[in-house]
Amino acid sequence: MIYLYFREDGKLWVRTKSADSELESAYPNPIIVGDDYDITVVDDSIEVEEGMPQAMREKTRKEIEEDLDYSQKRLVEYPDIKEQLDYIYHNGLTKWKSDMIKPVKDKYPK
């Protein structure tokens, strides 16, 4: 997982491989994406000479939020698999579904 912290103007400030409480206090509500998520986009507003590669820029917070589908949003909201298995062991499958899975599915419906 990659944690993306944004400035107030919606531009990416920093990305980390783990949550950071100091960053989160300065840049609240990070977006969490998978390791393979591409945060760059072609910027057609920048003219380049013929034969040169297209200009790229980092996506804004809004672009990333619009880019993520429900399954990607769910993926980062679910607790760690070890935590889920421990919950199942102590509380059973029915409680796991109602307490850990259903709230995330309700938050990000298909």
N, C-alpha and C. Protein backbone atom coordinates (compact mmCIF):
# COMPACT_ATOMS: atom_id res chain seq x y z
N MET A 1 0.83 -1.18 0.00
CA MET A 1 0.00 0.00 0.00
C MET A 1 0.88 1.25 0.00
N ILE A 2 0.36 2.29 -0.63
CA ILE A 2 1.04 3.58 -0.65
C ILE A 2 0.08 4.62 -0.07
N TYR A 3 0.59 5.43 0.85
CA TYR A 3 -0.18 6.49 1.47
C TYR A 3 0.18 7.80 0.78
N LEU A 4 -0.84 8.49 0.26
CA LEU A 4 -0.64 9.74 -0.46
C LEU A 4 -1.18 10.89 0.39
N TYR A 5 -0.30 11.81 0.75
CA TYR A 5 -0.67 12.96 1.56
C TYR A 5 -0.72 14.20 0.66
N PHE A 6 -1.80 14.96 0.78
CA PHE A 6 -2.04 16.11 -0.12
C PHE A 6 -2.08 17.42 0.64
N ARG A 7 -1.60 18.47 -0.04
CA ARG A 7 -1.72 19.83 0.48
C ARG A 7 -3.17 20.27 0.33
N GLU A 8 -3.50 21.42 0.89
CA GLU A 8 -4.86 21.94 0.80
C GLU A 8 -5.29 22.21 -0.63
N ASP A 9 -4.34 22.52 -1.52
CA ASP A 9 -4.70 22.80 -2.91
C ASP A 9 -4.94 21.53 -3.72
N GLY A 10 -4.84 20.37 -3.08
CA GLY A 10 -5.12 19.11 -3.75
C GLY A 10 -3.93 18.49 -4.45
N LYS A 11 -2.77 19.13 -4.34
CA LYS A 11 -1.57 18.59 -4.98
C LYS A 11 -0.83 17.67 -4.01
N LEU A 12 -0.26 16.61 -4.57
CA LEU A 12 0.44 15.62 -3.77
C LEU A 12 1.63 16.25 -3.06
N TRP A 13 1.74 15.99 -1.77
CA TRP A 13 2.86 16.49 -1.00
C TRP A 13 3.92 15.41 -0.84
N VAL A 14 3.49 14.24 -0.40
CA VAL A 14 4.45 13.15 -0.18
C VAL A 14 3.72 11.81 -0.24
N ARG A 15 4.46 10.76 -0.60
CA ARG A 15 3.90 9.42 -0.56
C ARG A 15 4.83 8.55 0.27
N THR A 16 4.22 7.66 1.05
CA THR A 16 4.99 6.79 1.93
C THR A 16 4.46 5.37 1.83
N LYS A 17 5.23 4.43 2.32
CA LYS A 17 4.83 3.02 2.31
C LYS A 17 4.05 2.65 3.56
N SER A 18 3.96 3.57 4.51
CA SER A 18 3.20 3.29 5.73
C SER A 18 2.56 4.58 6.23
N ALA A 19 1.57 4.42 7.09
CA ALA A 19 0.91 5.58 7.67
C ALA A 19 1.90 6.36 8.53
N ASP A 20 1.75 7.65 8.59
CA ASP A 20 2.66 8.50 9.35
C ASP A 20 1.81 9.51 10.12
N SER A 21 1.80 9.39 11.44
CA SER A 21 0.92 10.24 12.25
C SER A 21 1.31 11.72 12.17
N GLU A 22 2.59 12.02 12.04
CA GLU A 22 3.00 13.42 11.91
C GLU A 22 2.51 14.00 10.59
N LEU A 23 2.68 13.25 9.51
CA LEU A 23 2.19 13.72 8.22
C LEU A 23 0.68 13.86 8.23
N GLU A 24 0.00 12.89 8.87
CA GLU A 24 -1.46 12.92 8.87
C GLU A 24 -1.99 14.12 9.66
N SER A 25 -1.27 14.54 10.69
CA SER A 25 -1.73 15.73 11.42
C SER A 25 -1.56 16.99 10.57
N ALA A 26 -0.52 17.02 9.74
CA ALA A 26 -0.30 18.18 8.87
C ALA A 26 -1.11 18.10 7.58
N TYR A 27 -1.28 16.89 7.07
CA TYR A 27 -2.00 16.66 5.80
C TYR A 27 -3.02 15.55 6.03
N PRO A 28 -4.17 15.88 6.62
CA PRO A 28 -5.15 14.86 7.00
C PRO A 28 -5.79 14.14 5.81
N ASN A 29 -6.37 13.00 6.12
CA ASN A 29 -7.11 12.19 5.15
C ASN A 29 -6.29 11.76 3.94
N PRO A 30 -5.22 11.03 4.19
CA PRO A 30 -4.45 10.55 3.03
C PRO A 30 -5.30 9.56 2.22
N ILE A 31 -4.94 9.42 0.96
CA ILE A 31 -5.56 8.40 0.12
C ILE A 31 -4.61 7.21 0.11
N ILE A 32 -5.14 6.03 0.27
CA ILE A 32 -4.32 4.82 0.27
C ILE A 32 -4.62 4.07 -1.01
N VAL A 33 -3.56 3.76 -1.75
CA VAL A 33 -3.70 3.05 -3.02
C VAL A 33 -2.78 1.83 -3.02
N GLY A 34 -3.00 0.95 -3.96
CA GLY A 34 -2.15 -0.21 -4.11
C GLY A 34 -0.77 0.18 -4.62
N ASP A 35 0.20 -0.71 -4.41
CA ASP A 35 1.57 -0.45 -4.84
C ASP A 35 1.69 -0.21 -6.34
N ASP A 36 0.79 -0.79 -7.10
CA ASP A 36 0.90 -0.69 -8.56
C ASP A 36 0.11 0.49 -9.14
N TYR A 37 -0.48 1.31 -8.29
CA TYR A 37 -1.27 2.44 -8.78
C TYR A 37 -0.35 3.51 -9.36
N ASP A 38 -0.65 3.97 -10.57
CA ASP A 38 0.14 4.99 -11.25
C ASP A 38 -0.41 6.38 -10.92
N ILE A 39 0.39 7.18 -10.24
CA ILE A 39 -0.09 8.50 -9.83
C ILE A 39 0.23 9.58 -10.85
N THR A 40 0.71 9.18 -12.03
CA THR A 40 1.02 10.18 -13.06
C THR A 40 -0.01 10.15 -14.17
N VAL A 41 -0.08 11.26 -14.89
CA VAL A 41 -1.00 11.39 -16.00
C VAL A 41 -0.34 12.27 -17.06
N VAL A 42 -0.67 12.03 -18.31
CA VAL A 42 -0.16 12.87 -19.40
C VAL A 42 -0.79 14.24 -19.27
N ASP A 43 0.03 15.28 -19.37
CA ASP A 43 -0.45 16.65 -19.28
C ASP A 43 -0.44 17.27 -20.67
N ASP A 44 -1.60 17.28 -21.32
CA ASP A 44 -1.72 17.82 -22.68
C ASP A 44 -1.59 19.34 -22.73
N SER A 45 -1.64 19.99 -21.59
CA SER A 45 -1.54 21.45 -21.59
C SER A 45 -0.09 21.92 -21.79
N ILE A 46 0.85 21.01 -21.65
CA ILE A 46 2.26 21.36 -21.85
C ILE A 46 2.68 20.92 -23.24
N GLU A 47 3.08 21.89 -24.03
CA GLU A 47 3.51 21.57 -25.40
C GLU A 47 4.94 21.08 -25.39
N VAL A 48 5.17 20.02 -26.14
CA VAL A 48 6.53 19.49 -26.28
C VAL A 48 6.89 19.46 -27.76
N GLU A 49 8.16 19.46 -28.04
CA GLU A 49 8.61 19.42 -29.43
C GLU A 49 8.27 18.07 -30.04
N GLU A 50 8.05 18.08 -31.34
CA GLU A 50 7.72 16.84 -32.05
C GLU A 50 8.84 15.83 -31.83
N GLY A 51 8.44 14.61 -31.58
CA GLY A 51 9.40 13.54 -31.34
C GLY A 51 9.84 13.41 -29.90
N MET A 52 9.46 14.35 -29.05
CA MET A 52 9.81 14.30 -27.63
C MET A 52 8.71 13.56 -26.88
N PRO A 53 9.06 12.94 -25.75
CA PRO A 53 8.02 12.25 -24.97
C PRO A 53 6.99 13.23 -24.42
N GLN A 54 5.79 12.73 -24.20
CA GLN A 54 4.73 13.58 -23.66
C GLN A 54 5.07 14.02 -22.25
N ALA A 55 4.61 15.20 -21.89
CA ALA A 55 4.84 15.72 -20.55
C ALA A 55 3.92 15.01 -19.55
N MET A 56 4.46 14.67 -18.41
CA MET A 56 3.69 13.97 -17.36
C MET A 56 3.63 14.86 -16.12
N ARG A 57 2.61 14.64 -15.32
CA ARG A 57 2.50 15.31 -14.03
C ARG A 57 1.81 14.37 -13.06
N GLU A 58 1.91 14.67 -11.78
CA GLU A 58 1.23 13.86 -10.77
C GLU A 58 -0.25 14.22 -10.75
N LYS A 59 -1.09 13.24 -10.54
CA LYS A 59 -2.52 13.46 -10.44
C LYS A 59 -2.84 14.25 -9.18
N THR A 60 -3.93 15.01 -9.24
CA THR A 60 -4.41 15.72 -8.06
C THR A 60 -5.24 14.77 -7.21
N ARG A 61 -5.53 15.19 -6.00
CA ARG A 61 -6.36 14.38 -5.10
C ARG A 61 -7.70 14.04 -5.77
N LYS A 62 -8.33 15.04 -6.37
CA LYS A 62 -9.63 14.85 -7.01
C LYS A 62 -9.53 13.81 -8.13
N GLU A 63 -8.49 13.90 -8.95
CA GLU A 63 -8.31 12.94 -10.05
C GLU A 63 -8.13 11.52 -9.53
N ILE A 64 -7.39 11.37 -8.45
CA ILE A 64 -7.18 10.04 -7.88
C ILE A 64 -8.48 9.50 -7.30
N GLU A 65 -9.20 10.34 -6.56
CA GLU A 65 -10.48 9.90 -5.99
C GLU A 65 -11.45 9.46 -7.08
N GLU A 66 -11.49 10.18 -8.19
CA GLU A 66 -12.38 9.83 -9.30
C GLU A 66 -11.91 8.56 -10.00
N ASP A 67 -10.62 8.32 -9.94
CA ASP A 67 -9.99 7.19 -10.62
C ASP A 67 -10.27 5.85 -9.93
N LEU A 68 -10.39 5.88 -8.61
CA LEU A 68 -10.53 4.64 -7.85
C LEU A 68 -11.96 4.11 -7.93
N ASP A 69 -12.09 2.84 -8.22
CA ASP A 69 -13.42 2.24 -8.22
C ASP A 69 -13.72 1.66 -6.84
N TYR A 70 -14.93 1.16 -6.66
CA TYR A 70 -15.37 0.69 -5.35
C TYR A 70 -14.47 -0.41 -4.80
N SER A 71 -13.98 -1.31 -5.65
CA SER A 71 -13.17 -2.43 -5.16
C SER A 71 -11.82 -1.95 -4.64
N GLN A 72 -11.24 -0.94 -5.28
CA GLN A 72 -9.97 -0.40 -4.81
C GLN A 72 -10.15 0.34 -3.49
N LYS A 73 -11.27 1.04 -3.35
CA LYS A 73 -11.54 1.75 -2.10
C LYS A 73 -11.78 0.75 -0.97
N ARG A 74 -12.49 -0.33 -1.27
CA ARG A 74 -12.73 -1.36 -0.26
C ARG A 74 -11.43 -2.02 0.19
N LEU A 75 -10.58 -2.30 -0.77
CA LEU A 75 -9.35 -3.02 -0.48
C LEU A 75 -8.54 -2.36 0.62
N VAL A 76 -8.42 -1.06 0.57
CA VAL A 76 -7.60 -0.37 1.57
C VAL A 76 -8.35 -0.15 2.89
N GLU A 77 -9.66 -0.29 2.89
CA GLU A 77 -10.45 -0.10 4.12
C GLU A 77 -10.52 -1.37 4.96
N TYR A 78 -10.45 -2.52 4.32
CA TYR A 78 -10.53 -3.77 5.08
C TYR A 78 -9.35 -3.89 6.03
N PRO A 79 -9.59 -4.41 7.23
CA PRO A 79 -8.48 -4.63 8.16
C PRO A 79 -7.49 -5.65 7.58
N ASP A 80 -6.29 -5.64 8.13
CA ASP A 80 -5.26 -6.60 7.77
C ASP A 80 -5.79 -8.02 7.92
N ILE A 81 -5.35 -8.92 7.05
CA ILE A 81 -5.88 -10.30 7.05
C ILE A 81 -5.62 -10.99 8.38
N LYS A 82 -4.49 -10.72 9.03
CA LYS A 82 -4.22 -11.33 10.35
C LYS A 82 -5.27 -10.89 11.37
N GLU A 83 -5.60 -9.62 11.32
CA GLU A 83 -6.62 -9.08 12.23
C GLU A 83 -7.98 -9.72 11.93
N GLN A 84 -8.31 -9.88 10.66
CA GLN A 84 -9.58 -10.51 10.29
C GLN A 84 -9.65 -11.96 10.76
N LEU A 85 -8.58 -12.71 10.56
CA LEU A 85 -8.56 -14.12 10.98
C LEU A 85 -8.69 -14.24 12.50
N ASP A 86 -8.02 -13.36 13.23
CA ASP A 86 -8.13 -13.37 14.69
C ASP A 86 -9.56 -13.05 15.10
N TYR A 87 -10.18 -12.11 14.41
CA TYR A 87 -11.57 -11.74 14.72
C TYR A 87 -12.51 -12.92 14.46
N ILE A 88 -12.30 -13.62 13.36
CA ILE A 88 -13.11 -14.80 13.05
C ILE A 88 -12.94 -15.85 14.13
N TYR A 89 -11.72 -16.09 14.54
CA TYR A 89 -11.44 -17.10 15.57
C TYR A 89 -12.17 -16.78 16.87
N HIS A 90 -12.14 -15.52 17.29
CA HIS A 90 -12.73 -15.14 18.57
C HIS A 90 -14.22 -14.85 18.50
N ASN A 91 -14.74 -14.46 17.32
CA ASN A 91 -16.13 -14.01 17.24
C ASN A 91 -16.99 -14.77 16.24
N GLY A 92 -16.39 -15.55 15.37
CA GLY A 92 -17.16 -16.32 14.39
C GLY A 92 -17.35 -15.56 13.08
N LEU A 93 -17.75 -16.31 12.05
CA LEU A 93 -17.92 -15.75 10.72
C LEU A 93 -19.04 -14.71 10.63
N THR A 94 -20.15 -14.98 11.31
CA THR A 94 -21.28 -14.07 11.23
C THR A 94 -20.92 -12.68 11.77
N LYS A 95 -20.24 -12.63 12.93
CA LYS A 95 -19.82 -11.35 13.50
C LYS A 95 -18.77 -10.68 12.61
N TRP A 96 -17.87 -11.47 12.03
CA TRP A 96 -16.84 -10.93 11.11
C TRP A 96 -17.52 -10.24 9.94
N LYS A 97 -18.50 -10.91 9.34
CA LYS A 97 -19.22 -10.33 8.20
C LYS A 97 -19.93 -9.03 8.60
N SER A 98 -20.64 -9.07 9.74
CA SER A 98 -21.42 -7.90 10.13
C SER A 98 -20.57 -6.76 10.69
N ASP A 99 -19.48 -7.08 11.37
CA ASP A 99 -18.67 -6.04 12.02
C ASP A 99 -17.52 -5.51 11.17
N MET A 100 -16.95 -6.36 10.31
CA MET A 100 -15.76 -5.94 9.57
C MET A 100 -16.00 -5.77 8.07
N ILE A 101 -16.81 -6.60 7.50
CA ILE A 101 -16.97 -6.60 6.04
C ILE A 101 -18.14 -5.72 5.59
N LYS A 102 -19.30 -5.90 6.21
CA LYS A 102 -20.49 -5.16 5.78
C LYS A 102 -20.32 -3.64 5.85
N PRO A 103 -19.73 -3.09 6.92
CA PRO A 103 -19.57 -1.62 6.95
C PRO A 103 -18.76 -1.07 5.76
N VAL A 104 -17.74 -1.81 5.34
CA VAL A 104 -16.93 -1.35 4.21
C VAL A 104 -17.72 -1.47 2.90
N LYS A 105 -18.45 -2.59 2.75
CA LYS A 105 -19.26 -2.76 1.56
C LYS A 105 -20.37 -1.72 1.49
N ASP A 106 -20.94 -1.37 2.63
CA ASP A 106 -21.97 -0.32 2.67
C ASP A 106 -21.40 1.05 2.33
N LYS A 107 -20.17 1.30 2.79
CA LYS A 107 -19.53 2.59 2.55
C LYS A 107 -19.18 2.78 1.08
N TYR A 108 -18.79 1.67 0.41
CA TYR A 108 -18.42 1.71 -1.01
C TYR A 108 -19.23 0.68 -1.79
N PRO A 109 -20.49 0.96 -2.08
CA PRO A 109 -21.33 -0.01 -2.81
C PRO A 109 -20.89 -0.16 -4.27
N LYS A 110 -21.32 -1.26 -4.86
CA LYS A 110 -21.02 -1.51 -6.29
C LYS A 110 -21.75 -0.51 -7.14
